[in-house]
Amino acid sequence: MPAALTKAGTEDPAPPAAAREPAPGAGGNRRRLRREYLLFLALIAPNFLFIAVFSYWPVIYNAYLSLTDWNMIAPIKNFVGFDNYVDMFTGLGFGDVMLTTVYFTVGVVGGSMALGLAIALLLNQKLRGRDFVRTMTFAPHVLSGAAVGLAWTFIFDPNYGLSRAFFSAFGASSPSWLTDSDWALPAVMIVYLWKTTGFAAIVYLAGLQNLPKEVYESASLDGAGAWTTFRRFTLPLLSPVTFFLVVTSTISSFQAFDVIALMTNGGPGSATTILSWFVYDSGFRSFQAGPAGASAIIMFVILLAITLVQTRYLERKVHYK
C-alpha cells in the first residue's frame, strides 16, 4: 500500500522501531516474575495454612474464651468481658502463682546457665574420657520428662530413696521433699536443673571451641591470668551464646509442666503451681475455660514482653565479632 502523505504531499516518515515495539524481553520478564511469584505462593501456602490453623487460630480462639464464662461442657458461652482478668489480678491466689513462677524461672535459668558454663569450661580441657562425659552430660536433656519425674520421685522418697541415704551419711534425716511446702519447689527446681544444665553446657562448649585462639595467645603474652582472661575475653566473646540461652531457657521454664505433673501435681497446696500448671489446672481439672484462657493470654503477653526486652536491650551488649 502507498505510504501516507502529509499536507505538503510528502511521505510521512515511519515511527522509530522503539516506539512501535516493546523493549526486547520486557513482557517475558514480567511473565517470568509472575510465574515465580505464583510458585512462591504455592510453596508457602501449605506451611502458612498449617501455622494459621495450629498456631494463630488457637491464640485468637483462646483470647475469645478468656472473655467468657464457660465450663467446657455447656453449649452456650456467656460473654463476661474482662471479668476473668479482673478476678485473677484482684485475687490472692494468682499473685502467689506469679511469684512462684518468678522464683522457678530465675532459679532454673540462672542456675542452668551458671552450672552449664562451669561444666563447659571443664569439658573443654583435655581430660581422659572427655567424650563419654560430654555424652552423659547431655543425656538428661533428651530424656522424657515423665521418666525423669518418676525417677526423681523415688530419689526424693524420705524413707527408701537415695535422698535418705545421702542425708544419713551426715547423721541427718531426709526432708519430705514432695509433701512439704517448704521443700517441694526446691525439689522441682533441682530436677529441672539436672535436666536442662546439660543443654546449656553443650551449647557453651560449642561456643568455647569456636573462640579465636589468637585472642588467648595475645592475652598470655601480655601476662593476663586465668581469671582476667575469662572475665575480659571469654565472657564477652560468649555473649551471643549467653543471649541465645537466656531467651530459650526463659521460654522453656515458663512452659515447664511434665515434671510438675508427675511429682507434685502443683502441690502441696499451691507450692509448685507455676503459670503453666495454673492454666492446665483451671481448664482441664476445674473446667473453667475463662480463667484458663485469661491466664494463658497473660503468659503469652509476659513471654512476648520478656523476649522483646531481651532482644532490645541484651542484644546491645552482645559482641558478635
C-alpha atoms as a PDB file:
ATOM      1  CA  MET A   1       0.000   0.000   0.000  1.00  0.00           C
ATOM      2  CA  PRO A   2       1.254   3.545  -0.630  1.00  0.00           C
ATOM      3  CA  ALA A   3       2.707   5.402   2.295  1.00  0.00           C
ATOM      4  CA  ALA A   4       0.556   8.108   3.949  1.00  0.00           C
ATOM      5  CA  LEU A   5       1.081  11.643   2.611  1.00  0.00           C
ATOM      6  CA  THR A   6       1.333  14.840   4.587  1.00  0.00           C
ATOM      7  CA  LYS A   7      -0.477  18.063   3.668  1.00  0.00           C
ATOM      8  CA  ALA A   8       2.571  19.094   1.662  1.00  0.00           C
ATOM      9  CA  GLY A   9       2.274  15.871  -0.326  1.00  0.00           C
ATOM     10  CA  THR A  10       5.363  14.340   1.098  1.00  0.00           C
ATOM     11  CA  GLU A  11       5.588  10.863   2.597  1.00  0.00           C
ATOM     12  CA  ASP A  12       5.169  10.692   6.406  1.00  0.00           C
ATOM     13  CA  PRO A  13       8.338   9.256   7.930  1.00  0.00           C
ATOM     14  CA  ALA A  14       7.925   5.876   9.640  1.00  0.00           C
ATOM     15  CA  PRO A  15       7.920   5.929  13.503  1.00  0.00           C
ATOM     16  CA  PRO A  16      11.058   4.703  15.267  1.00  0.00           C
ATOM     17  CA  ALA A  17      11.304   0.983  15.984  1.00  0.00           C
ATOM     18  CA  ALA A  18      11.428   1.583  19.774  1.00  0.00           C
ATOM     19  CA  ALA A  19       8.033   3.358  19.577  1.00  0.00           C
ATOM     20  CA  ARG A  20       6.419   0.598  17.516  1.00  0.00           C
ATOM     21  CA  GLU A  21       7.611  -2.458  19.568  1.00  0.00           C
ATOM     22  CA  PRO A  22       8.055  -3.093  23.330  1.00  0.00           C
ATOM     23  CA  ALA A  23      11.528  -3.355  24.726  1.00  0.00           C
ATOM     24  CA  PRO A  24      13.055  -6.736  23.973  1.00  0.00           C
ATOM     25  CA  GLY A  25      12.245  -9.194  26.776  1.00  0.00           C
ATOM     26  CA  ALA A  26      10.080  -6.797  28.871  1.00  0.00           C
ATOM     27  CA  GLY A  27       6.935  -8.889  28.530  1.00  0.00           C
ATOM     28  CA  GLY A  28       8.902 -12.087  29.085  1.00  0.00           C
ATOM     29  CA  ASN A  29      10.421 -10.736  32.298  1.00  0.00           C
ATOM     30  CA  ARG A  30       7.009  -9.798  33.621  1.00  0.00           C
ATOM     31  CA  ARG A  31       5.624 -13.253  32.839  1.00  0.00           C
ATOM     32  CA  ARG A  32       8.640 -14.895  34.461  1.00  0.00           C
ATOM     33  CA  LEU A  33       8.288 -12.795  37.621  1.00  0.00           C
ATOM     34  CA  ARG A  34       4.578 -13.598  37.738  1.00  0.00           C
ATOM     35  CA  ARG A  35       5.290 -17.327  37.463  1.00  0.00           C
ATOM     36  CA  GLU A  36       7.930 -17.148  40.194  1.00  0.00           C
ATOM     37  CA  TYR A  37       5.552 -15.238  42.463  1.00  0.00           C
ATOM     38  CA  LEU A  38       2.785 -17.802  41.931  1.00  0.00           C
ATOM     39  CA  LEU A  39       5.264 -20.612  42.569  1.00  0.00           C
ATOM     40  CA  PHE A  40       6.362 -18.896  45.780  1.00  0.00           C
ATOM     41  CA  LEU A  41       2.741 -18.628  46.934  1.00  0.00           C
ATOM     42  CA  ALA A  42       2.127 -22.281  46.082  1.00  0.00           C
ATOM     43  CA  LEU A  43       5.177 -23.396  48.077  1.00  0.00           C
ATOM     44  CA  ILE A  44       4.441 -21.354  51.207  1.00  0.00           C
ATOM     45  CA  ALA A  45       0.686 -21.951  51.192  1.00  0.00           C
ATOM     46  CA  PRO A  46       0.815 -25.352  53.000  1.00  0.00           C
ATOM     47  CA  ASN A  47       3.176 -24.059  55.682  1.00  0.00           C
ATOM     48  CA  PHE A  48       1.244 -20.822  56.119  1.00  0.00           C
ATOM     49  CA  LEU A  49      -2.029 -22.762  56.351  1.00  0.00           C
ATOM     50  CA  PHE A  50      -0.511 -25.116  58.916  1.00  0.00           C
ATOM     51  CA  ILE A  51       0.767 -22.206  61.045  1.00  0.00           C
ATOM     52  CA  ALA A  52      -2.520 -20.331  60.750  1.00  0.00           C
ATOM     53  CA  VAL A  53      -4.607 -23.342  61.786  1.00  0.00           C
ATOM     54  CA  PHE A  54      -2.407 -24.688  64.575  1.00  0.00           C
ATOM     55  CA  SER A  55      -0.757 -21.506  65.902  1.00  0.00           C
ATOM     56  CA  TYR A  56      -2.620 -18.300  65.105  1.00  0.00           C
ATOM     57  CA  TRP A  57      -6.176 -19.591  65.318  1.00  0.00           C
ATOM     58  CA  PRO A  58      -5.727 -21.224  68.781  1.00  0.00           C
ATOM     59  CA  VAL A  59      -4.355 -17.934  70.134  1.00  0.00           C
ATOM     60  CA  ILE A  60      -7.290 -15.993  68.699  1.00  0.00           C
ATOM     61  CA  TYR A  61      -9.858 -18.506  69.945  1.00  0.00           C
ATOM     62  CA  ASN A  62      -8.185 -18.649  73.356  1.00  0.00           C
ATOM     63  CA  ALA A  63      -8.405 -14.857  73.583  1.00  0.00           C
ATOM     64  CA  TYR A  64     -12.127 -15.147  72.892  1.00  0.00           C
ATOM     65  CA  LEU A  65     -12.567 -17.847  75.557  1.00  0.00           C
ATOM     66  CA  SER A  66     -10.791 -15.638  78.094  1.00  0.00           C
ATOM     67  CA  LEU A  67     -13.705 -13.213  77.760  1.00  0.00           C
ATOM     68  CA  THR A  68     -16.356 -15.833  78.502  1.00  0.00           C
ATOM     69  CA  ASP A  69     -17.766 -17.850  81.375  1.00  0.00           C
ATOM     70  CA  TRP A  70     -17.854 -21.445  80.101  1.00  0.00           C
ATOM     71  CA  ASN A  71     -17.495 -24.806  81.816  1.00  0.00           C
ATOM     72  CA  MET A  72     -16.321 -26.508  78.582  1.00  0.00           C
ATOM     73  CA  ILE A  73     -19.487 -28.639  78.529  1.00  0.00           C
ATOM     74  CA  ALA A  74     -22.460 -26.293  78.181  1.00  0.00           C
ATOM     75  CA  PRO A  75     -23.393 -25.406  74.588  1.00  0.00           C
ATOM     76  CA  ILE A  76     -23.582 -21.675  75.380  1.00  0.00           C
ATOM     77  CA  LYS A  77     -20.614 -19.470  76.282  1.00  0.00           C
ATOM     78  CA  ASN A  78     -21.574 -16.470  78.393  1.00  0.00           C
ATOM     79  CA  PHE A  79     -19.671 -13.343  77.427  1.00  0.00           C
ATOM     80  CA  VAL A  80     -18.323 -11.586  80.555  1.00  0.00           C
ATOM     81  CA  GLY A  81     -15.758  -9.214  79.071  1.00  0.00           C
ATOM     82  CA  PHE A  82     -12.645  -8.685  81.160  1.00  0.00           C
ATOM     83  CA  ASP A  83     -14.127 -10.055  84.383  1.00  0.00           C
ATOM     84  CA  ASN A  84     -11.806 -13.077  84.324  1.00  0.00           C
ATOM     85  CA  TYR A  85      -8.747 -10.833  84.161  1.00  0.00           C
ATOM     86  CA  VAL A  86     -10.050  -8.605  86.939  1.00  0.00           C
ATOM     87  CA  ASP A  87     -10.786 -11.604  89.168  1.00  0.00           C
ATOM     88  CA  MET A  88      -7.291 -13.014  88.687  1.00  0.00           C
ATOM     89  CA  PHE A  89      -5.428  -9.794  89.354  1.00  0.00           C
ATOM     90  CA  THR A  90      -7.541  -8.902  92.380  1.00  0.00           C
ATOM     91  CA  GLY A  91      -7.457 -12.419  93.871  1.00  0.00           C
ATOM     92  CA  LEU A  92      -4.718 -13.576  96.223  1.00  0.00           C
ATOM     93  CA  GLY A  93      -4.089 -16.954  94.630  1.00  0.00           C
ATOM     94  CA  PHE A  94      -2.922 -15.676  91.252  1.00  0.00           C
ATOM     95  CA  GLY A  95      -0.337 -13.403  92.859  1.00  0.00           C
ATOM     96  CA  ASP A  96       1.181 -16.424  94.609  1.00  0.00           C
ATOM     97  CA  VAL A  97       1.255 -18.280  91.292  1.00  0.00           C
ATOM     98  CA  MET A  98       3.131 -15.431  89.611  1.00  0.00           C
ATOM     99  CA  LEU A  99       5.606 -15.200  92.492  1.00  0.00           C
ATOM    100  CA  THR A 100       6.255 -18.944  92.341  1.00  0.00           C
ATOM    101  CA  THR A 101       6.758 -18.667  88.578  1.00  0.00           C
ATOM    102  CA  VAL A 102       9.331 -15.907  89.055  1.00  0.00           C
ATOM    103  CA  TYR A 103      11.242 -17.920  91.670  1.00  0.00           C
ATOM    104  CA  PHE A 104      11.193 -21.005  89.480  1.00  0.00           C
ATOM    105  CA  THR A 105      12.248 -19.182  86.302  1.00  0.00           C
ATOM    106  CA  VAL A 106      15.084 -17.213  87.899  1.00  0.00           C
ATOM    107  CA  GLY A 107      16.400 -20.273  89.716  1.00  0.00           C
ATOM    108  CA  VAL A 108      16.256 -22.637  86.758  1.00  0.00           C
ATOM    109  CA  VAL A 109      17.504 -20.209  84.089  1.00  0.00           C
ATOM    110  CA  GLY A 110      20.261 -18.675  86.212  1.00  0.00           C
ATOM    111  CA  GLY A 111      21.312 -21.983  87.741  1.00  0.00           C
ATOM    112  CA  SER A 112      21.407 -23.936  84.477  1.00  0.00           C
ATOM    113  CA  MET A 113      23.460 -21.257  82.744  1.00  0.00           C
ATOM    114  CA  ALA A 114      25.964 -20.888  85.594  1.00  0.00           C
ATOM    115  CA  LEU A 115      26.385 -24.648  86.027  1.00  0.00           C
ATOM    116  CA  GLY A 116      26.394 -25.177  82.256  1.00  0.00           C
ATOM    117  CA  LEU A 117      29.217 -22.675  81.778  1.00  0.00           C
ATOM    118  CA  ALA A 118      31.247 -24.244  84.594  1.00  0.00           C
ATOM    119  CA  ILE A 119      30.798 -27.725  83.124  1.00  0.00           C
ATOM    120  CA  ALA A 120      31.637 -26.461  79.624  1.00  0.00           C
ATOM    121  CA  LEU A 121      34.881 -24.921  80.875  1.00  0.00           C
ATOM    122  CA  LEU A 122      35.773 -28.238  82.483  1.00  0.00           C
ATOM    123  CA  LEU A 123      34.874 -30.331  79.436  1.00  0.00           C
ATOM    124  CA  ASN A 124      36.854 -28.009  77.201  1.00  0.00           C
ATOM    125  CA  GLN A 125      40.043 -29.258  78.847  1.00  0.00           C
ATOM    126  CA  LYS A 126      41.989 -32.269  77.612  1.00  0.00           C
ATOM    127  CA  LEU A 127      40.767 -34.892  80.056  1.00  0.00           C
ATOM    128  CA  ARG A 128      40.599 -38.664  79.875  1.00  0.00           C
ATOM    129  CA  GLY A 129      37.122 -39.913  78.975  1.00  0.00           C
ATOM    130  CA  ARG A 130      36.013 -36.428  77.974  1.00  0.00           C
ATOM    131  CA  ASP A 131      33.771 -37.577  75.108  1.00  0.00           C
ATOM    132  CA  PHE A 132      31.908 -40.020  77.345  1.00  0.00           C
ATOM    133  CA  VAL A 133      31.358 -37.337  79.972  1.00  0.00           C
ATOM    134  CA  ARG A 134      30.051 -34.948  77.303  1.00  0.00           C
ATOM    135  CA  THR A 135      27.525 -37.558  76.189  1.00  0.00           C
ATOM    136  CA  MET A 136      26.372 -38.267  79.738  1.00  0.00           C
ATOM    137  CA  THR A 137      26.093 -34.541  80.432  1.00  0.00           C
ATOM    138  CA  PHE A 138      23.719 -34.012  77.526  1.00  0.00           C
ATOM    139  CA  ALA A 139      21.726 -37.226  78.064  1.00  0.00           C
ATOM    140  CA  PRO A 140      19.250 -35.835  80.663  1.00  0.00           C
ATOM    141  CA  HIS A 141      18.105 -33.191  78.186  1.00  0.00           C
ATOM    142  CA  VAL A 142      16.802 -35.783  75.721  1.00  0.00           C
ATOM    143  CA  LEU A 143      15.105 -37.971  78.335  1.00  0.00           C
ATOM    144  CA  SER A 144      11.350 -37.926  78.657  1.00  0.00           C
ATOM    145  CA  GLY A 145      10.080 -35.538  81.311  1.00  0.00           C
ATOM    146  CA  ALA A 146       7.737 -38.257  82.592  1.00  0.00           C
ATOM    147  CA  ALA A 147      10.635 -40.676  83.062  1.00  0.00           C
ATOM    148  CA  VAL A 148      12.734 -38.011  84.770  1.00  0.00           C
ATOM    149  CA  GLY A 149       9.906 -37.057  87.125  1.00  0.00           C
ATOM    150  CA  LEU A 150       9.207 -40.681  88.034  1.00  0.00           C
ATOM    151  CA  ALA A 151      12.890 -41.432  88.697  1.00  0.00           C
ATOM    152  CA  TRP A 152      13.360 -38.383  90.909  1.00  0.00           C
ATOM    153  CA  THR A 153      10.175 -39.177  92.807  1.00  0.00           C
ATOM    154  CA  PHE A 154      11.888 -42.338  94.044  1.00  0.00           C
ATOM    155  CA  ILE A 155      15.133 -40.464  94.687  1.00  0.00           C
ATOM    156  CA  PHE A 156      13.347 -37.940  96.894  1.00  0.00           C
ATOM    157  CA  ASP A 157      11.454 -40.583  98.850  1.00  0.00           C
ATOM    158  CA  PRO A 158      12.343 -39.833 102.514  1.00  0.00           C
ATOM    159  CA  ASN A 159      12.050 -43.489 103.543  1.00  0.00           C
ATOM    160  CA  TYR A 160      13.605 -45.525 100.733  1.00  0.00           C
ATOM    161  CA  GLY A 161      15.160 -43.105  98.237  1.00  0.00           C
ATOM    162  CA  LEU A 162      18.747 -42.091  97.627  1.00  0.00           C
ATOM    163  CA  SER A 163      17.989 -38.831  99.419  1.00  0.00           C
ATOM    164  CA  ARG A 164      17.621 -40.776 102.674  1.00  0.00           C
ATOM    165  CA  ALA A 165      20.994 -42.480 102.162  1.00  0.00           C
ATOM    166  CA  PHE A 166      22.688 -39.170 101.393  1.00  0.00           C
ATOM    167  CA  PHE A 167      21.400 -37.394 104.496  1.00  0.00           C
ATOM    168  CA  SER A 168      22.011 -40.448 106.669  1.00  0.00           C
ATOM    169  CA  ALA A 169      25.704 -40.265 105.807  1.00  0.00           C
ATOM    170  CA  PHE A 170      25.776 -36.903 107.596  1.00  0.00           C
ATOM    171  CA  GLY A 171      23.642 -38.065 110.509  1.00  0.00           C
ATOM    172  CA  ALA A 172      20.558 -36.182 109.348  1.00  0.00           C
ATOM    173  CA  SER A 173      17.117 -37.239 108.200  1.00  0.00           C
ATOM    174  CA  SER A 174      15.857 -36.605 104.702  1.00  0.00           C
ATOM    175  CA  PRO A 175      13.232 -33.864 104.350  1.00  0.00           C
ATOM    176  CA  SER A 176       9.834 -34.697 102.917  1.00  0.00           C
ATOM    177  CA  TRP A 177      10.698 -33.184  99.594  1.00  0.00           C
ATOM    178  CA  LEU A 178       7.418 -33.592  97.756  1.00  0.00           C
ATOM    179  CA  THR A 179       4.938 -33.288 100.625  1.00  0.00           C
ATOM    180  CA  ASP A 180       6.453 -30.331 102.481  1.00  0.00           C
ATOM    181  CA  SER A 181       5.523 -26.936 101.025  1.00  0.00           C
ATOM    182  CA  ASP A 182       8.943 -25.545 102.002  1.00  0.00           C
ATOM    183  CA  TRP A 183      10.848 -28.237 100.078  1.00  0.00           C
ATOM    184  CA  ALA A 184       8.585 -29.012  97.122  1.00  0.00           C
ATOM    185  CA  LEU A 185       9.597 -26.074  94.913  1.00  0.00           C
ATOM    186  CA  PRO A 186      13.360 -26.558  95.546  1.00  0.00           C
ATOM    187  CA  ALA A 187      12.909 -30.245  94.694  1.00  0.00           C
ATOM    188  CA  VAL A 188      11.251 -29.455  91.367  1.00  0.00           C
ATOM    189  CA  MET A 189      13.921 -26.853  90.597  1.00  0.00           C
ATOM    190  CA  ILE A 190      16.677 -29.416  91.302  1.00  0.00           C
ATOM    191  CA  VAL A 191      15.085 -31.820  88.832  1.00  0.00           C
ATOM    192  CA  TYR A 192      14.759 -29.170  86.122  1.00  0.00           C
ATOM    193  CA  LEU A 193      18.340 -28.051  86.723  1.00  0.00           C
ATOM    194  CA  TRP A 194      19.515 -31.645  86.318  1.00  0.00           C
ATOM    195  CA  LYS A 195      17.519 -31.955  83.086  1.00  0.00           C
ATOM    196  CA  THR A 196      18.428 -28.627  81.470  1.00  0.00           C
ATOM    197  CA  THR A 197      22.008 -27.967  82.568  1.00  0.00           C
ATOM    198  CA  GLY A 198      23.416 -30.417  80.024  1.00  0.00           C
ATOM    199  CA  PHE A 199      21.913 -28.464  77.135  1.00  0.00           C
ATOM    200  CA  ALA A 200      23.440 -25.216  78.369  1.00  0.00           C
ATOM    201  CA  ALA A 201      26.790 -26.956  78.886  1.00  0.00           C
ATOM    202  CA  ILE A 202      26.915 -28.362  75.349  1.00  0.00           C
ATOM    203  CA  VAL A 203      25.910 -25.030  73.795  1.00  0.00           C
ATOM    204  CA  TYR A 204      28.540 -23.203  75.839  1.00  0.00           C
ATOM    205  CA  LEU A 205      31.098 -25.866  74.927  1.00  0.00           C
ATOM    206  CA  ALA A 206      30.396 -25.347  71.233  1.00  0.00           C
ATOM    207  CA  GLY A 207      30.881 -21.620  71.768  1.00  0.00           C
ATOM    208  CA  LEU A 208      34.172 -22.121  73.617  1.00  0.00           C
ATOM    209  CA  GLN A 209      35.553 -24.308  70.853  1.00  0.00           C
ATOM    210  CA  ASN A 210      34.853 -21.625  68.255  1.00  0.00           C
ATOM    211  CA  LEU A 211      36.526 -18.756  70.082  1.00  0.00           C
ATOM    212  CA  PRO A 212      39.553 -17.255  68.262  1.00  0.00           C
ATOM    213  CA  LYS A 213      42.765 -18.738  69.674  1.00  0.00           C
ATOM    214  CA  GLU A 214      44.845 -15.684  68.761  1.00  0.00           C
ATOM    215  CA  VAL A 215      42.983 -13.676  71.414  1.00  0.00           C
ATOM    216  CA  TYR A 216      44.150 -16.049  74.139  1.00  0.00           C
ATOM    217  CA  GLU A 217      47.660 -16.148  72.742  1.00  0.00           C
ATOM    218  CA  SER A 218      47.822 -12.356  72.908  1.00  0.00           C
ATOM    219  CA  ALA A 219      46.422 -12.367  76.439  1.00  0.00           C
ATOM    220  CA  SER A 220      49.022 -14.925  77.514  1.00  0.00           C
ATOM    221  CA  LEU A 221      51.841 -12.849  76.036  1.00  0.00           C
ATOM    222  CA  ASP A 222      50.532  -9.810  77.920  1.00  0.00           C
ATOM    223  CA  GLY A 223      50.671 -11.750  81.174  1.00  0.00           C
ATOM    224  CA  ALA A 224      46.911 -11.949  81.789  1.00  0.00           C
ATOM    225  CA  GLY A 225      45.903 -14.512  84.399  1.00  0.00           C
ATOM    226  CA  ALA A 226      43.173 -17.114  84.078  1.00  0.00           C
ATOM    227  CA  TRP A 227      40.505 -15.042  85.841  1.00  0.00           C
ATOM    228  CA  THR A 228      41.348 -11.884  83.871  1.00  0.00           C
ATOM    229  CA  THR A 229      41.257 -13.800  80.602  1.00  0.00           C
ATOM    230  CA  PHE A 230      37.913 -15.340  81.489  1.00  0.00           C
ATOM    231  CA  ARG A 231      36.351 -12.063  82.605  1.00  0.00           C
ATOM    232  CA  ARG A 232      37.689  -9.801  79.848  1.00  0.00           C
ATOM    233  CA  PHE A 233      37.765 -12.149  76.875  1.00  0.00           C
ATOM    234  CA  THR A 234      35.829 -15.384  77.346  1.00  0.00           C
ATOM    235  CA  LEU A 235      32.612 -13.930  78.763  1.00  0.00           C
ATOM    236  CA  PRO A 236      32.317 -11.091  76.195  1.00  0.00           C
ATOM    237  CA  LEU A 237      33.070 -13.451  73.313  1.00  0.00           C
ATOM    238  CA  LEU A 238      30.452 -15.894  74.606  1.00  0.00           C
ATOM    239  CA  SER A 239      27.775 -13.202  74.790  1.00  0.00           C
ATOM    240  CA  PRO A 240      25.910 -14.438  71.650  1.00  0.00           C
ATOM    241  CA  VAL A 241      25.674 -17.896  73.232  1.00  0.00           C
ATOM    242  CA  THR A 242      24.549 -16.397  76.540  1.00  0.00           C
ATOM    243  CA  PHE A 243      21.916 -14.307  74.791  1.00  0.00           C
ATOM    244  CA  PHE A 244      20.584 -17.366  72.970  1.00  0.00           C
ATOM    245  CA  LEU A 245      20.403 -19.403  76.189  1.00  0.00           C
ATOM    246  CA  VAL A 246      18.695 -16.631  78.152  1.00  0.00           C
ATOM    247  CA  VAL A 247      15.886 -16.370  75.588  1.00  0.00           C
ATOM    248  CA  THR A 248      15.355 -20.102  75.033  1.00  0.00           C
ATOM    249  CA  SER A 249      15.731 -21.085  78.693  1.00  0.00           C
ATOM    250  CA  THR A 250      13.260 -18.426  79.837  1.00  0.00           C
ATOM    251  CA  ILE A 251      10.634 -19.604  77.369  1.00  0.00           C
ATOM    252  CA  SER A 252      11.258 -23.239  78.316  1.00  0.00           C
ATOM    253  CA  SER A 253      10.941 -22.565  82.051  1.00  0.00           C
ATOM    254  CA  PHE A 254       7.580 -20.863  81.576  1.00  0.00           C
ATOM    255  CA  GLN A 255       6.380 -23.947  79.721  1.00  0.00           C
ATOM    256  CA  ALA A 256       7.517 -26.426  82.386  1.00  0.00           C
ATOM    257  CA  PHE A 257       4.767 -28.935  83.016  1.00  0.00           C
ATOM    258  CA  ASP A 258       5.645 -32.622  82.753  1.00  0.00           C
ATOM    259  CA  VAL A 259       7.902 -32.977  85.799  1.00  0.00           C
ATOM    260  CA  ILE A 260       5.474 -30.999  87.971  1.00  0.00           C
ATOM    261  CA  ALA A 261       2.596 -33.198  86.798  1.00  0.00           C
ATOM    262  CA  LEU A 262       4.468 -36.392  87.730  1.00  0.00           C
ATOM    263  CA  MET A 263       5.991 -35.258  91.003  1.00  0.00           C
ATOM    264  CA  THR A 264       3.713 -32.804  92.798  1.00  0.00           C
ATOM    265  CA  ASN A 265       0.545 -32.011  90.784  1.00  0.00           C
ATOM    266  CA  GLY A 266       1.182 -28.386  91.620  1.00  0.00           C
ATOM    267  CA  GLY A 267       1.204 -29.073  95.358  1.00  0.00           C
ATOM    268  CA  PRO A 268       1.361 -29.432  98.191  1.00  0.00           C
ATOM    269  CA  GLY A 269      -1.301 -26.777  98.199  1.00  0.00           C
ATOM    270  CA  SER A 270      -0.050 -24.362  95.547  1.00  0.00           C
ATOM    271  CA  ALA A 271       3.653 -24.576  96.436  1.00  0.00           C
ATOM    272  CA  THR A 272       4.712 -25.716  92.946  1.00  0.00           C
ATOM    273  CA  THR A 273       1.881 -24.163  90.930  1.00  0.00           C
ATOM    274  CA  ILE A 274       3.562 -22.089  88.245  1.00  0.00           C
ATOM    275  CA  LEU A 275       1.690 -20.309  85.470  1.00  0.00           C
ATOM    276  CA  SER A 276       1.704 -23.218  83.005  1.00  0.00           C
ATOM    277  CA  TRP A 277       0.272 -25.589  85.619  1.00  0.00           C
ATOM    278  CA  PHE A 278      -2.316 -22.979  86.618  1.00  0.00           C
ATOM    279  CA  VAL A 279      -3.561 -22.902  83.008  1.00  0.00           C
ATOM    280  CA  TYR A 280      -3.918 -26.682  82.962  1.00  0.00           C
ATOM    281  CA  ASP A 281      -5.496 -26.846  86.409  1.00  0.00           C
ATOM    282  CA  SER A 282      -8.063 -24.154  85.609  1.00  0.00           C
ATOM    283  CA  GLY A 283      -9.018 -25.558  82.226  1.00  0.00           C
ATOM    284  CA  PHE A 284      -8.797 -29.341  82.440  1.00  0.00           C
ATOM    285  CA  ARG A 285      -9.316 -30.028  86.149  1.00  0.00           C
ATOM    286  CA  SER A 286     -11.660 -27.243  87.213  1.00  0.00           C
ATOM    287  CA  PHE A 287     -13.297 -26.929  83.755  1.00  0.00           C
ATOM    288  CA  GLN A 288     -13.184 -23.136  83.803  1.00  0.00           C
ATOM    289  CA  ALA A 289     -12.324 -22.100  80.272  1.00  0.00           C
ATOM    290  CA  GLY A 290     -12.466 -18.377  81.032  1.00  0.00           C
ATOM    291  CA  PRO A 291      -9.789 -18.225  83.762  1.00  0.00           C
ATOM    292  CA  ALA A 292      -7.689 -20.782  81.888  1.00  0.00           C
ATOM    293  CA  GLY A 293      -7.824 -18.731  78.691  1.00  0.00           C
ATOM    294  CA  ALA A 294      -7.093 -15.498  80.564  1.00  0.00           C
ATOM    295  CA  SER A 295      -4.052 -16.978  82.319  1.00  0.00           C
ATOM    296  CA  ALA A 296      -2.800 -18.393  79.010  1.00  0.00           C
ATOM    297  CA  ILE A 297      -3.084 -14.970  77.387  1.00  0.00           C
ATOM    298  CA  ILE A 298      -1.249 -13.432  80.339  1.00  0.00           C
ATOM    299  CA  MET A 299       1.545 -15.988  79.939  1.00  0.00           C
ATOM    300  CA  PHE A 300       1.703 -15.236  76.208  1.00  0.00           C
ATOM    301  CA  VAL A 301       1.958 -11.497  76.839  1.00  0.00           C
ATOM    302  CA  ILE A 302       4.629 -11.979  79.546  1.00  0.00           C
ATOM    303  CA  LEU A 303       6.747 -14.187  77.283  1.00  0.00           C
ATOM    304  CA  LEU A 304       6.358 -11.768  74.391  1.00  0.00           C
ATOM    305  CA  ALA A 305       7.374  -8.833  76.596  1.00  0.00           C
ATOM    306  CA  ILE A 306      10.363 -10.697  78.060  1.00  0.00           C
ATOM    307  CA  THR A 307      11.546 -11.722  74.605  1.00  0.00           C
ATOM    308  CA  LEU A 308      11.216  -8.177  73.251  1.00  0.00           C
ATOM    309  CA  VAL A 309      13.086  -6.706  76.226  1.00  0.00           C
ATOM    310  CA  GLN A 310      15.833  -9.297  75.923  1.00  0.00           C
ATOM    311  CA  THR A 311      16.121  -8.728  72.185  1.00  0.00           C
ATOM    312  CA  ARG A 312      16.118  -4.944  72.502  1.00  0.00           C
ATOM    313  CA  TYR A 313      18.429  -4.406  75.471  1.00  0.00           C
ATOM    314  CA  LEU A 314      20.520  -7.542  75.963  1.00  0.00           C
ATOM    315  CA  GLU A 315      21.438  -7.782  72.297  1.00  0.00           C
ATOM    316  CA  ARG A 316      23.077  -4.369  72.506  1.00  0.00           C
ATOM    317  CA  LYS A 317      25.704  -5.895  74.784  1.00  0.00           C
ATOM    318  CA  VAL A 318      26.287  -8.899  72.543  1.00  0.00           C
ATOM    319  CA  HIS A 319      29.623  -8.980  70.749  1.00  0.00           C
ATOM    320  CA  TYR A 320      29.226 -10.917  67.527  1.00  0.00           C
ATOM    321  CA  LYS A 321      32.804 -10.336  66.428  1.00  0.00           C
END
